[in-house]
Amino acid sequence: MVENFGEYLRTLRVEKRLSLREVEQQSGVSNSYLGLIERGQRPIPGADILKKLAPVYDVPVRDLLKAAGYLKDEDISISENDEIEMAFNYVMNDPRYKSGTRIKGGLTTDVKRFIVEMYEKATGKKLLPGG
């Protein structure tokens, strides 16, 4: 867990050269709420908010969940299916890939894995452990 999560989020945003408004546009999370979090005036946001922010800040959801204290390596073992689901959600929320057909539900784990692997190859970003 990161000692000051708000400062950590601010650092991620500044490194990406994004304004709070740009993060809001890409994630759907209010810029005023984000500002309050960054200044330590609001508690660490829930996992649902972190899942929206991860692709904007270009970090895996798992990393944000760890930094927020929601995941601890020694305490939690995430199943392969959960790893694939988190990686797939990251890909689907990446603002750089908003165009194209979106299939609602019904995708098998193998199809999700394939989509994540194609994303990894296209971006050079590793989302799934191993391999």
Foldseek 3Di string as FASTA:
>chain_A
DAPQLLCVLVVLCVVVVHQLVRLCVLQVDDSVVSVCSNVVNDADDDLVSLLSNCLVSVHQSVVSCVNSVNDDPVPDDDDQLRLLVSLLSSVCSNSVPVDDDDDDDDDDSVVSNVVSVVVCVVPVDDRHPDD
